[in-house]
Amino acid sequence: QVQLVESGGGLVQAGGSLRLSCAASRPILLFNVMGWYRQAPGKQREFVARITSTSYTNYADSVKGRFTISRDNAKKTVYLQMNSLKPENTAVYYCNAAANDGTYWGQGTQVTVSS
């Protein structure tokens, strides 16, 4: 059973920064793609950023230039550095991992940005 455990969420003022972490229970090179999604109250879950096993990255337009996804294979962890946060970034952020044997989700971590 694959586990993804997110951490790093919290309350931050607008303009501030947070770094989310997603620790996997197995080597992350076994995942073709890892990414972050978010879900705000009353809204559908949406894509934020992804990184492939070859470290190719792409981002939602709304976060380009402010968020950075990265990976540390030795630590089996993917990160999401979030800068210049805005109140509309408030959501539960979920880690996602896609492998040949399935797609996995973490339990989510709450990010709240106050104005």
PDB file of N, CA and C in Angstrom:
ATOM      1  N   GLN A   1       0.845  -1.191   0.000  1.00  0.00           N
ATOM      2  CA  GLN A   1       0.000   0.000   0.000  1.00  0.00           C
ATOM      3  C   GLN A   1       0.879   1.239   0.000  1.00  0.00           C
ATOM      4  N   VAL A   2       0.686   2.093  -1.001  1.00  0.00           N
ATOM      5  CA  VAL A   2       1.465   3.315  -1.095  1.00  0.00           C
ATOM      6  C   VAL A   2       0.839   4.380  -0.216  1.00  0.00           C
ATOM      7  N   GLN A   3       1.659   5.075   0.525  1.00  0.00           N
ATOM      8  CA  GLN A   3       1.188   6.194   1.337  1.00  0.00           C
ATOM      9  C   GLN A   3       1.899   7.474   0.920  1.00  0.00           C
ATOM     10  N   LEU A   4       1.124   8.533   0.850  1.00  0.00           N
ATOM     11  CA  LEU A   4       1.645   9.875   0.616  1.00  0.00           C
ATOM     12  C   LEU A   4       1.223  10.735   1.800  1.00  0.00           C
ATOM     13  N   VAL A   5       2.184  11.359   2.448  1.00  0.00           N
ATOM     14  CA  VAL A   5       1.888  12.151   3.631  1.00  0.00           C
ATOM     15  C   VAL A   5       2.315  13.586   3.398  1.00  0.00           C
ATOM     16  N   GLU A   6       1.338  14.483   3.372  1.00  0.00           N
ATOM     17  CA  GLU A   6       1.625  15.902   3.183  1.00  0.00           C
ATOM     18  C   GLU A   6       1.870  16.582   4.523  1.00  0.00           C
ATOM     19  N   SER A   7       2.650  17.628   4.479  1.00  0.00           N
ATOM     20  CA  SER A   7       2.877  18.464   5.653  1.00  0.00           C
ATOM     21  C   SER A   7       3.278  19.855   5.176  1.00  0.00           C
ATOM     22  N   GLY A   8       3.272  20.796   6.116  1.00  0.00           N
ATOM     23  CA  GLY A   8       3.732  22.142   5.796  1.00  0.00           C
ATOM     24  C   GLY A   8       2.641  23.176   5.623  1.00  0.00           C
ATOM     25  N   GLY A   9       1.395  22.742   5.662  1.00  0.00           N
ATOM     26  CA  GLY A   9       0.317  23.716   5.549  1.00  0.00           C
ATOM     27  C   GLY A   9       0.209  24.561   6.806  1.00  0.00           C
ATOM     28  N   GLY A  10      -0.636  25.563   6.721  1.00  0.00           N
ATOM     29  CA  GLY A  10      -0.843  26.425   7.877  1.00  0.00           C
ATOM     30  C   GLY A  10      -1.494  27.725   7.495  1.00  0.00           C
ATOM     31  N   LEU A  11      -1.440  28.662   8.418  1.00  0.00           N
ATOM     32  CA  LEU A  11      -2.036  29.990   8.233  1.00  0.00           C
ATOM     33  C   LEU A  11      -0.913  30.986   7.933  1.00  0.00           C
ATOM     34  N   VAL A  12      -1.097  31.760   6.876  1.00  0.00           N
ATOM     35  CA  VAL A  12      -0.082  32.737   6.487  1.00  0.00           C
ATOM     36  C   VAL A  12      -0.784  33.986   5.971  1.00  0.00           C
ATOM     37  N   GLN A  13      -0.156  35.117   6.133  1.00  0.00           N
ATOM     38  CA  GLN A  13      -0.724  36.359   5.602  1.00  0.00           C
ATOM     39  C   GLN A  13      -0.469  36.458   4.104  1.00  0.00           C
ATOM     40  N   ALA A  14      -1.312  37.210   3.438  1.00  0.00           N
ATOM     41  CA  ALA A  14      -1.127  37.453   2.014  1.00  0.00           C
ATOM     42  C   ALA A  14       0.266  38.016   1.764  1.00  0.00           C
ATOM     43  N   GLY A  15       0.906  37.505   0.716  1.00  0.00           N
ATOM     44  CA  GLY A  15       2.268  37.900   0.407  1.00  0.00           C
ATOM     45  C   GLY A  15       3.322  36.994   1.016  1.00  0.00           C
ATOM     46  N   GLY A  16       2.900  36.137   1.928  1.00  0.00           N
ATOM     47  CA  GLY A  16       3.825  35.244   2.598  1.00  0.00           C
ATOM     48  C   GLY A  16       4.125  33.991   1.799  1.00  0.00           C
ATOM     49  N   SER A  17       4.884  33.099   2.427  1.00  0.00           N
ATOM     50  CA  SER A  17       5.323  31.877   1.772  1.00  0.00           C
ATOM     51  C   SER A  17       5.093  30.662   2.659  1.00  0.00           C
ATOM     52  N   LEU A  18       4.917  29.534   2.016  1.00  0.00           N
ATOM     53  CA  LEU A  18       4.859  28.238   2.686  1.00  0.00           C
ATOM     54  C   LEU A  18       5.539  27.221   1.783  1.00  0.00           C
ATOM     55  N   ARG A  19       6.082  26.185   2.402  1.00  0.00           N
ATOM     56  CA  ARG A  19       6.605  25.065   1.626  1.00  0.00           C
ATOM     57  C   ARG A  19       5.900  23.792   2.072  1.00  0.00           C
ATOM     58  N   LEU A  20       5.208  23.173   1.136  1.00  0.00           N
ATOM     59  CA  LEU A  20       4.546  21.908   1.394  1.00  0.00           C
ATOM     60  C   LEU A  20       5.480  20.759   1.045  1.00  0.00           C
ATOM     61  N   SER A  21       5.345  19.685   1.799  1.00  0.00           N
ATOM     62  CA  SER A  21       6.122  18.477   1.546  1.00  0.00           C
ATOM     63  C   SER A  21       5.179  17.296   1.363  1.00  0.00           C
ATOM     64  N   CYS A  22       5.586  16.376   0.516  1.00  0.00           N
ATOM     65  CA  CYS A  22       4.839  15.136   0.312  1.00  0.00           C
ATOM     66  C   CYS A  22       5.835  13.994   0.394  1.00  0.00           C
ATOM     67  N   ALA A  23       5.756  13.245   1.485  1.00  0.00           N
ATOM     68  CA  ALA A  23       6.667  12.127   1.694  1.00  0.00           C
ATOM     69  C   ALA A  23       5.984  10.835   1.270  1.00  0.00           C
ATOM     70  N   ALA A  24       6.685  10.081   0.430  1.00  0.00           N
ATOM     71  CA  ALA A  24       6.126   8.835  -0.087  1.00  0.00           C
ATOM     72  C   ALA A  24       6.696   7.637   0.656  1.00  0.00           C
ATOM     73  N   SER A  25       5.931   6.561   0.643  1.00  0.00           N
ATOM     74  CA  SER A  25       6.339   5.343   1.363  1.00  0.00           C
ATOM     75  C   SER A  25       7.196   4.429   0.499  1.00  0.00           C
ATOM     76  N   ARG A  26       7.435   4.845  -0.752  1.00  0.00           N
ATOM     77  CA  ARG A  26       8.328   4.072  -1.596  1.00  0.00           C
ATOM     78  C   ARG A  26       9.131   5.026  -2.471  1.00  0.00           C
ATOM     79  N   PRO A  27      10.199   4.572  -3.087  1.00  0.00           N
ATOM     80  CA  PRO A  27      11.026   5.465  -3.915  1.00  0.00           C
ATOM     81  C   PRO A  27      10.214   6.210  -4.963  1.00  0.00           C
ATOM     82  N   ILE A  28      10.364   7.510  -4.998  1.00  0.00           N
ATOM     83  CA  ILE A  28       9.512   8.303  -5.880  1.00  0.00           C
ATOM     84  C   ILE A  28       9.894   8.170  -7.348  1.00  0.00           C
ATOM     85  N   LEU A  29      11.045   7.615  -7.637  1.00  0.00           N
ATOM     86  CA  LEU A  29      11.394   7.352  -9.041  1.00  0.00           C
ATOM     87  C   LEU A  29      10.485   6.288  -9.641  1.00  0.00           C
ATOM     88  N   LEU A  30       9.769   5.550  -8.786  1.00  0.00           N
ATOM     89  CA  LEU A  30       8.824   4.563  -9.270  1.00  0.00           C
ATOM     90  C   LEU A  30       7.531   5.207  -9.771  1.00  0.00           C
ATOM     91  N   PHE A  31       7.352   6.490  -9.460  1.00  0.00           N
ATOM     92  CA  PHE A  31       6.185   7.214  -9.941  1.00  0.00           C
ATOM     93  C   PHE A  31       6.525   7.931 -11.243  1.00  0.00           C
ATOM     94  N   ASN A  32       5.647   7.826 -12.217  1.00  0.00           N
ATOM     95  CA  ASN A  32       5.876   8.513 -13.482  1.00  0.00           C
ATOM     96  C   ASN A  32       5.745  10.025 -13.315  1.00  0.00           C
ATOM     97  N   VAL A  33       4.757  10.402 -12.523  1.00  0.00           N
ATOM     98  CA  VAL A  33       4.475  11.815 -12.280  1.00  0.00           C
ATOM     99  C   VAL A  33       4.037  11.977 -10.841  1.00  0.00           C
ATOM    100  N   MET A  34       4.486  13.053 -10.219  1.00  0.00           N
ATOM    101  CA  MET A  34       3.950  13.452  -8.915  1.00  0.00           C
ATOM    102  C   MET A  34       3.497  14.898  -9.029  1.00  0.00           C
ATOM    103  N   GLY A  35       2.446  15.201  -8.281  1.00  0.00           N
ATOM    104  CA  GLY A  35       1.924  16.553  -8.414  1.00  0.00           C
ATOM    105  C   GLY A  35       1.148  17.012  -7.215  1.00  0.00           C
ATOM    106  N   TRP A  36       0.707  18.255  -7.318  1.00  0.00           N
ATOM    107  CA  TRP A  36      -0.114  18.872  -6.282  1.00  0.00           C
ATOM    108  C   TRP A  36      -1.419  19.359  -6.897  1.00  0.00           C
ATOM    109  N   TYR A  37      -2.480  19.124  -6.167  1.00  0.00           N
ATOM    110  CA  TYR A  37      -3.800  19.616  -6.513  1.00  0.00           C
ATOM    111  C   TYR A  37      -4.343  20.339  -5.290  1.00  0.00           C
ATOM    112  N   ARG A  38      -5.378  21.116  -5.494  1.00  0.00           N
ATOM    113  CA  ARG A  38      -6.000  21.793  -4.357  1.00  0.00           C
ATOM    114  C   ARG A  38      -7.500  21.850  -4.543  1.00  0.00           C
ATOM    115  N   GLN A  39      -8.174  21.963  -3.404  1.00  0.00           N
ATOM    116  CA  GLN A  39      -9.635  22.070  -3.421  1.00  0.00           C
ATOM    117  C   GLN A  39     -10.065  23.107  -2.409  1.00  0.00           C
ATOM    118  N   ALA A  40     -10.656  24.164  -2.928  1.00  0.00           N
ATOM    119  CA  ALA A  40     -11.195  25.219  -2.069  1.00  0.00           C
ATOM    120  C   ALA A  40     -12.633  24.880  -1.700  1.00  0.00           C
ATOM    121  N   PRO A  41     -13.142  25.441  -0.606  1.00  0.00           N
ATOM    122  CA  PRO A  41     -14.521  25.160  -0.190  1.00  0.00           C
ATOM    123  C   PRO A  41     -15.514  25.454  -1.310  1.00  0.00           C
ATOM    124  N   GLY A  42     -16.364  24.489  -1.584  1.00  0.00           N
ATOM    125  CA  GLY A  42     -17.391  24.674  -2.595  1.00  0.00           C
ATOM    126  C   GLY A  42     -16.918  24.575  -4.025  1.00  0.00           C
ATOM    127  N   LYS A  43     -15.648  24.220  -4.218  1.00  0.00           N
ATOM    128  CA  LYS A  43     -15.112  24.151  -5.572  1.00  0.00           C
ATOM    129  C   LYS A  43     -14.567  22.756  -5.854  1.00  0.00           C
ATOM    130  N   GLN A  44     -14.364  22.474  -7.136  1.00  0.00           N
ATOM    131  CA  GLN A  44     -13.787  21.195  -7.520  1.00  0.00           C
ATOM    132  C   GLN A  44     -12.277  21.199  -7.289  1.00  0.00           C
ATOM    133  N   ARG A  45     -11.749  20.013  -7.144  1.00  0.00           N
ATOM    134  CA  ARG A  45     -10.307  19.876  -7.023  1.00  0.00           C
ATOM    135  C   ARG A  45      -9.662  20.294  -8.343  1.00  0.00           C
ATOM    136  N   GLU A  46      -8.563  21.050  -8.237  1.00  0.00           N
ATOM    137  CA  GLU A  46      -7.904  21.544  -9.441  1.00  0.00           C
ATOM    138  C   GLU A  46      -6.405  21.297  -9.398  1.00  0.00           C
ATOM    139  N   PHE A  47      -5.844  21.201 -10.574  1.00  0.00           N
ATOM    140  CA  PHE A  47      -4.413  20.979 -10.738  1.00  0.00           C
ATOM    141  C   PHE A  47      -3.624  22.224 -10.342  1.00  0.00           C
ATOM    142  N   VAL A  48      -2.490  21.994  -9.682  1.00  0.00           N
ATOM    143  CA  VAL A  48      -1.604  23.095  -9.313  1.00  0.00           C
ATOM    144  C   VAL A  48      -0.252  22.972 -10.020  1.00  0.00           C
ATOM    145  N   ALA A  49       0.413  21.831  -9.837  1.00  0.00           N
ATOM    146  CA  ALA A  49       1.744  21.647 -10.419  1.00  0.00           C
ATOM    147  C   ALA A  49       2.059  20.163 -10.475  1.00  0.00           C
ATOM    148  N   ARG A  50       2.967  19.793 -11.405  1.00  0.00           N
ATOM    149  CA  ARG A  50       3.401  18.403 -11.468  1.00  0.00           C
ATOM    150  C   ARG A  50       4.868  18.348 -11.868  1.00  0.00           C
ATOM    151  N   ILE A  51       5.474  17.223 -11.514  1.00  0.00           N
ATOM    152  CA  ILE A  51       6.868  16.988 -11.878  1.00  0.00           C
ATOM    153  C   ILE A  51       7.000  15.522 -12.280  1.00  0.00           C
ATOM    154  N   THR A  52       7.676  15.281 -13.384  1.00  0.00           N
ATOM    155  CA  THR A  52       7.835  13.913 -13.861  1.00  0.00           C
ATOM    156  C   THR A  52       9.085  13.272 -13.255  1.00  0.00           C
ATOM    157  N   SER A  53       9.261  11.998 -13.556  1.00  0.00           N
ATOM    158  CA  SER A  53      10.428  11.271 -13.050  1.00  0.00           C
ATOM    159  C   SER A  53      11.726  11.818 -13.643  1.00  0.00           C
ATOM    160  N   THR A  54      11.623  12.538 -14.758  1.00  0.00           N
ATOM    161  CA  THR A  54      12.796  13.167 -15.367  1.00  0.00           C
ATOM    162  C   THR A  54      12.887  14.647 -15.009  1.00  0.00           C
ATOM    163  N   SER A  55      12.053  15.055 -14.035  1.00  0.00           N
ATOM    164  CA  SER A  55      12.053  16.420 -13.491  1.00  0.00           C
ATOM    165  C   SER A  55      11.499  17.471 -14.441  1.00  0.00           C
ATOM    166  N   TYR A  56      10.747  17.047 -15.433  1.00  0.00           N
ATOM    167  CA  TYR A  56       9.990  18.024 -16.216  1.00  0.00           C
ATOM    168  C   TYR A  56       8.847  18.538 -15.352  1.00  0.00           C
ATOM    169  N   THR A  57       8.613  19.842 -15.414  1.00  0.00           N
ATOM    170  CA  THR A  57       7.573  20.437 -14.566  1.00  0.00           C
ATOM    171  C   THR A  57       6.580  21.228 -15.397  1.00  0.00           C
ATOM    172  N   ASN A  58       5.356  21.307 -14.890  1.00  0.00           N
ATOM    173  CA  ASN A  58       4.426  22.279 -15.437  1.00  0.00           C
ATOM    174  C   ASN A  58       3.453  22.719 -14.355  1.00  0.00           C
ATOM    175  N   TYR A  59       2.857  23.887 -14.583  1.00  0.00           N
ATOM    176  CA  TYR A  59       2.089  24.575 -13.562  1.00  0.00           C
ATOM    177  C   TYR A  59       0.764  25.090 -14.117  1.00  0.00           C
ATOM    178  N   ALA A  60      -0.171  25.235 -13.209  1.00  0.00           N
ATOM    179  CA  ALA A  60      -1.389  25.954 -13.558  1.00  0.00           C
ATOM    180  C   ALA A  60      -1.018  27.414 -13.818  1.00  0.00           C
ATOM    181  N   ASP A  61      -1.715  28.040 -14.737  1.00  0.00           N
ATOM    182  CA  ASP A  61      -1.404  29.424 -15.084  1.00  0.00           C
ATOM    183  C   ASP A  61      -1.469  30.345 -13.870  1.00  0.00           C
ATOM    184  N   SER A  62      -2.391  30.053 -12.968  1.00  0.00           N
ATOM    185  CA  SER A  62      -2.616  30.942 -11.829  1.00  0.00           C
ATOM    186  C   SER A  62      -1.459  30.948 -10.833  1.00  0.00           C
ATOM    187  N   VAL A  63      -0.570  29.960 -10.911  1.00  0.00           N
ATOM    188  CA  VAL A  63       0.527  29.890  -9.943  1.00  0.00           C
ATOM    189  C   VAL A  63       1.900  30.051 -10.588  1.00  0.00           C
ATOM    190  N   LYS A  64       1.960  30.145 -11.895  1.00  0.00           N
ATOM    191  CA  LYS A  64       3.247  30.286 -12.578  1.00  0.00           C
ATOM    192  C   LYS A  64       3.995  31.506 -12.071  1.00  0.00           C
ATOM    193  N   GLY A  65       5.269  31.307 -11.801  1.00  0.00           N
ATOM    194  CA  GLY A  65       6.104  32.398 -11.317  1.00  0.00           C
ATOM    195  C   GLY A  65       6.057  32.587  -9.809  1.00  0.00           C
ATOM    196  N   ARG A  66       5.105  31.938  -9.152  1.00  0.00           N
ATOM    197  CA  ARG A  66       5.001  32.073  -7.689  1.00  0.00           C
ATOM    198  C   ARG A  66       5.245  30.745  -6.969  1.00  0.00           C
ATOM    199  N   PHE A  67       4.844  29.646  -7.587  1.00  0.00           N
ATOM    200  CA  PHE A  67       4.993  28.325  -6.982  1.00  0.00           C
ATOM    201  C   PHE A  67       6.080  27.553  -7.731  1.00  0.00           C
ATOM    202  N   THR A  68       6.808  26.718  -6.982  1.00  0.00           N
ATOM    203  CA  THR A  68       7.843  25.883  -7.573  1.00  0.00           C
ATOM    204  C   THR A  68       7.738  24.474  -7.010  1.00  0.00           C
ATOM    205  N   ILE A  69       7.655  23.506  -7.894  1.00  0.00           N
ATOM    206  CA  ILE A  69       7.627  22.109  -7.474  1.00  0.00           C
ATOM    207  C   ILE A  69       9.024  21.534  -7.660  1.00  0.00           C
ATOM    208  N   SER A  70       9.433  20.690  -6.718  1.00  0.00           N
ATOM    209  CA  SER A  70      10.750  20.072  -6.805  1.00  0.00           C
ATOM    210  C   SER A  70      10.695  18.708  -6.141  1.00  0.00           C
ATOM    211  N   ARG A  71      11.767  17.947  -6.302  1.00  0.00           N
ATOM    212  CA  ARG A  71      11.791  16.605  -5.748  1.00  0.00           C
ATOM    213  C   ARG A  71      13.157  16.298  -5.160  1.00  0.00           C
ATOM    214  N   ASP A  72      13.152  15.474  -4.123  1.00  0.00           N
ATOM    215  CA  ASP A  72      14.388  14.955  -3.538  1.00  0.00           C
ATOM    216  C   ASP A  72      14.244  13.437  -3.526  1.00  0.00           C
ATOM    217  N   ASN A  73      14.860  12.803  -4.488  1.00  0.00           N
ATOM    218  CA  ASN A  73      14.685  11.359  -4.630  1.00  0.00           C
ATOM    219  C   ASN A  73      15.206  10.606  -3.407  1.00  0.00           C
ATOM    220  N   ALA A  74      16.299  11.074  -2.844  1.00  0.00           N
ATOM    221  CA  ALA A  74      16.882  10.387  -1.689  1.00  0.00           C
ATOM    222  C   ALA A  74      15.944  10.421  -0.492  1.00  0.00           C
ATOM    223  N   LYS A  75      15.209  11.523  -0.345  1.00  0.00           N
ATOM    224  CA  LYS A  75      14.277  11.662   0.780  1.00  0.00           C
ATOM    225  C   LYS A  75      12.880  11.174   0.429  1.00  0.00           C
ATOM    226  N   LYS A  76      12.682  10.730  -0.813  1.00  0.00           N
ATOM    227  CA  LYS A  76      11.373  10.251  -1.267  1.00  0.00           C
ATOM    228  C   LYS A  76      10.302  11.322  -1.042  1.00  0.00           C
ATOM    229  N   THR A  77      10.654  12.545  -1.353  1.00  0.00           N
ATOM    230  CA  THR A  77       9.782  13.677  -1.041  1.00  0.00           C
ATOM    231  C   THR A  77       9.693  14.641  -2.216  1.00  0.00           C
ATOM    232  N   VAL A  78       8.485  15.140  -2.422  1.00  0.00           N
ATOM    233  CA  VAL A  78       8.230  16.203  -3.384  1.00  0.00           C
ATOM    234  C   VAL A  78       7.790  17.435  -2.606  1.00  0.00           C
ATOM    235  N   TYR A  79       8.238  18.585  -3.085  1.00  0.00           N
ATOM    236  CA  TYR A  79       7.950  19.834  -2.394  1.00  0.00           C
ATOM    237  C   TYR A  79       7.161  20.777  -3.291  1.00  0.00           C
ATOM    238  N   LEU A  80       6.433  21.665  -2.644  1.00  0.00           N
ATOM    239  CA  LEU A  80       5.794  22.764  -3.361  1.00  0.00           C
ATOM    240  C   LEU A  80       6.109  24.039  -2.594  1.00  0.00           C
ATOM    241  N   GLN A  81       6.995  24.835  -3.150  1.00  0.00           N
ATOM    242  CA  GLN A  81       7.320  26.125  -2.566  1.00  0.00           C
ATOM    243  C   GLN A  81       6.326  27.142  -3.095  1.00  0.00           C
ATOM    244  N   MET A  82       5.623  27.789  -2.184  1.00  0.00           N
ATOM    245  CA  MET A  82       4.576  28.734  -2.558  1.00  0.00           C
ATOM    246  C   MET A  82       4.951  30.113  -2.042  1.00  0.00           C
ATOM    247  N   ASN A  83       5.169  31.037  -2.940  1.00  0.00           N
ATOM    248  CA  ASN A  83       5.524  32.418  -2.601  1.00  0.00           C
ATOM    249  C   ASN A  83       4.416  33.366  -3.030  1.00  0.00           C
ATOM    250  N   SER A  84       4.457  34.556  -2.491  1.00  0.00           N
ATOM    251  CA  SER A  84       3.478  35.594  -2.838  1.00  0.00           C
ATOM    252  C   SER A  84       2.058  35.051  -2.758  1.00  0.00           C
ATOM    253  N   LEU A  85       1.759  34.413  -1.665  1.00  0.00           N
ATOM    254  CA  LEU A  85       0.451  33.779  -1.514  1.00  0.00           C
ATOM    255  C   LEU A  85      -0.666  34.803  -1.474  1.00  0.00           C
ATOM    256  N   LYS A  86      -1.807  34.392  -2.001  1.00  0.00           N
ATOM    257  CA  LYS A  86      -2.990  35.240  -2.070  1.00  0.00           C
ATOM    258  C   LYS A  86      -4.140  34.558  -1.336  1.00  0.00           C
ATOM    259  N   PRO A  87      -5.105  35.335  -0.870  1.00  0.00           N
ATOM    260  CA  PRO A  87      -6.254  34.721  -0.181  1.00  0.00           C
ATOM    261  C   PRO A  87      -6.950  33.654  -1.032  1.00  0.00           C
ATOM    262  N   GLU A  88      -6.967  33.847  -2.333  1.00  0.00           N
ATOM    263  CA  GLU A  88      -7.621  32.861  -3.198  1.00  0.00           C
ATOM    264  C   GLU A  88      -6.837  31.559  -3.322  1.00  0.00           C
ATOM    265  N   ASN A  89      -5.647  31.492  -2.758  1.00  0.00           N
ATOM    266  CA  ASN A  89      -4.891  30.244  -2.707  1.00  0.00           C
ATOM    267  C   ASN A  89      -5.319  29.362  -1.529  1.00  0.00           C
ATOM    268  N   THR A  90      -6.217  29.871  -0.709  1.00  0.00           N
ATOM    269  CA  THR A  90      -6.712  29.097   0.420  1.00  0.00           C
ATOM    270  C   THR A  90      -7.418  27.849  -0.074  1.00  0.00           C
ATOM    271  N   ALA A  91      -6.980  26.691   0.426  1.00  0.00           N
ATOM    272  CA  ALA A  91      -7.532  25.413  -0.019  1.00  0.00           C
ATOM    273  C   ALA A  91      -6.868  24.284   0.762  1.00  0.00           C
ATOM    274  N   VAL A  92      -7.421  23.102   0.583  1.00  0.00           N
ATOM    275  CA  VAL A  92      -6.716  21.901   1.011  1.00  0.00           C
ATOM    276  C   VAL A  92      -5.859  21.447  -0.166  1.00  0.00           C
ATOM    277  N   TYR A  93      -4.581  21.267   0.095  1.00  0.00           N
ATOM    278  CA  TYR A  93      -3.638  20.879  -0.954  1.00  0.00           C
ATOM    279  C   TYR A  93      -3.347  19.388  -0.827  1.00  0.00           C
ATOM    280  N   TYR A  94      -3.478  18.703  -1.955  1.00  0.00           N
ATOM    281  CA  TYR A  94      -3.314  17.254  -1.989  1.00  0.00           C
ATOM    282  C   TYR A  94      -2.121  16.868  -2.862  1.00  0.00           C
ATOM    283  N   CYS A  95      -1.371  15.898  -2.379  1.00  0.00           N
ATOM    284  CA  CYS A  95      -0.300  15.310  -3.171  1.00  0.00           C
ATOM    285  C   CYS A  95      -0.869  14.159  -3.992  1.00  0.00           C
ATOM    286  N   ASN A  96      -0.382  14.031  -5.198  1.00  0.00           N
ATOM    287  CA  ASN A  96      -0.839  12.985  -6.113  1.00  0.00           C
ATOM    288  C   ASN A  96       0.371  12.312  -6.733  1.00  0.00           C
ATOM    289  N   ALA A  97       0.266  10.998  -6.911  1.00  0.00           N
ATOM    290  CA  ALA A  97       1.357  10.263  -7.552  1.00  0.00           C
ATOM    291  C   ALA A  97       0.778   9.223  -8.485  1.00  0.00           C
ATOM    292  N   ALA A  98       1.308   9.180  -9.692  1.00  0.00           N
ATOM    293  CA  ALA A  98       0.838   8.231 -10.699  1.00  0.00           C
ATOM    294  C   ALA A  98       1.949   7.246 -11.027  1.00  0.00           C
ATOM    295  N   ALA A  99       1.630   5.969 -10.880  1.00  0.00           N
ATOM    296  CA  ALA A  99       2.584   4.914 -11.190  1.00  0.00           C
ATOM    297  C   ALA A  99       1.923   3.913 -12.126  1.00  0.00           C
ATOM    298  N   ASN A 100       2.695   2.963 -12.603  1.00  0.00           N
ATOM    299  CA  ASN A 100       2.132   1.953 -13.507  1.00  0.00           C
ATOM    300  C   ASN A 100       1.063   1.124 -12.822  1.00  0.00           C
ATOM    301  N   ASP A 101       1.139   1.023 -11.487  1.00  0.00           N
ATOM    302  CA  ASP A 101       0.185   0.182 -10.753  1.00  0.00           C
ATOM    303  C   ASP A 101      -0.957   0.976 -10.136  1.00  0.00           C
ATOM    304  N   GLY A 102      -1.060   2.261 -10.457  1.00  0.00           N
ATOM    305  CA  GLY A 102      -2.193   3.012  -9.940  1.00  0.00           C
ATOM    306  C   GLY A 102      -1.874   4.466  -9.657  1.00  0.00           C
ATOM    307  N   THR A 103      -2.912   5.178  -9.227  1.00  0.00           N
ATOM    308  CA  THR A 103      -2.786   6.590  -8.857  1.00  0.00           C
ATOM    309  C   THR A 103      -3.112   6.734  -7.387  1.00  0.00           C
ATOM    310  N   TYR A 104      -2.319   7.550  -6.701  1.00  0.00           N
ATOM    311  CA  TYR A 104      -2.434   7.644  -5.248  1.00  0.00           C
ATOM    312  C   TYR A 104      -2.587   9.094  -4.820  1.00  0.00           C
ATOM    313  N   TRP A 105      -3.286   9.267  -3.690  1.00  0.00           N
ATOM    314  CA  TRP A 105      -3.528  10.592  -3.120  1.00  0.00           C
ATOM    315  C   TRP A 105      -3.137  10.607  -1.653  1.00  0.00           C
ATOM    316  N   GLY A 106      -2.660  11.753  -1.222  1.00  0.00           N
ATOM    317  CA  GLY A 106      -2.461  11.967   0.201  1.00  0.00           C
ATOM    318  C   GLY A 106      -3.740  12.431   0.854  1.00  0.00           C
ATOM    319  N   GLN A 107      -3.661  12.686   2.148  1.00  0.00           N
ATOM    320  CA  GLN A 107      -4.862  13.062   2.907  1.00  0.00           C
ATOM    321  C   GLN A 107      -5.138  14.557   2.850  1.00  0.00           C
ATOM    322  N   GLY A 108      -4.166  15.321   2.372  1.00  0.00           N
ATOM    323  CA  GLY A 108      -4.335  16.764   2.227  1.00  0.00           C
ATOM    324  C   GLY A 108      -3.787  17.553   3.408  1.00  0.00           C
ATOM    325  N   THR A 109      -3.406  18.774   3.098  1.00  0.00           N
ATOM    326  CA  THR A 109      -2.942  19.702   4.133  1.00  0.00           C
ATOM    327  C   THR A 109      -3.576  21.063   3.871  1.00  0.00           C
ATOM    328  N   GLN A 110      -4.079  21.676   4.920  1.00  0.00           N
ATOM    329  CA  GLN A 110      -4.822  22.930   4.784  1.00  0.00           C
ATOM    330  C   GLN A 110      -3.865  24.107   4.667  1.00  0.00           C
ATOM    331  N   VAL A 111      -4.121  24.941   3.688  1.00  0.00           N
ATOM    332  CA  VAL A 111      -3.406  26.209   3.540  1.00  0.00           C
ATOM    333  C   VAL A 111      -4.441  27.326   3.615  1.00  0.00           C
ATOM    334  N   THR A 112      -4.230  28.239   4.531  1.00  0.00           N
ATOM    335  CA  THR A 112      -5.129  29.371   4.696  1.00  0.00           C
ATOM    336  C   THR A 112      -4.336  30.659   4.585  1.00  0.00           C
ATOM    337  N   VAL A 113      -4.746  31.505   3.654  1.00  0.00           N
ATOM    338  CA  VAL A 113      -4.063  32.773   3.439  1.00  0.00           C
ATOM    339  C   VAL A 113      -5.004  33.893   3.842  1.00  0.00           C
ATOM    340  N   SER A 114      -4.592  34.657   4.826  1.00  0.00           N
ATOM    341  CA  SER A 114      -5.432  35.752   5.317  1.00  0.00           C
ATOM    342  C   SER A 114      -5.089  37.048   4.595  1.00  0.00           C
ATOM    343  N   SER A 115      -6.090  37.893   4.453  1.00  0.00           N
ATOM    344  CA  SER A 115      -5.882  39.165   3.734  1.00  0.00           C
ATOM    345  C   SER A 115      -5.459  40.270   4.680  1.00  0.00           C
TER     346      SER A 115
END
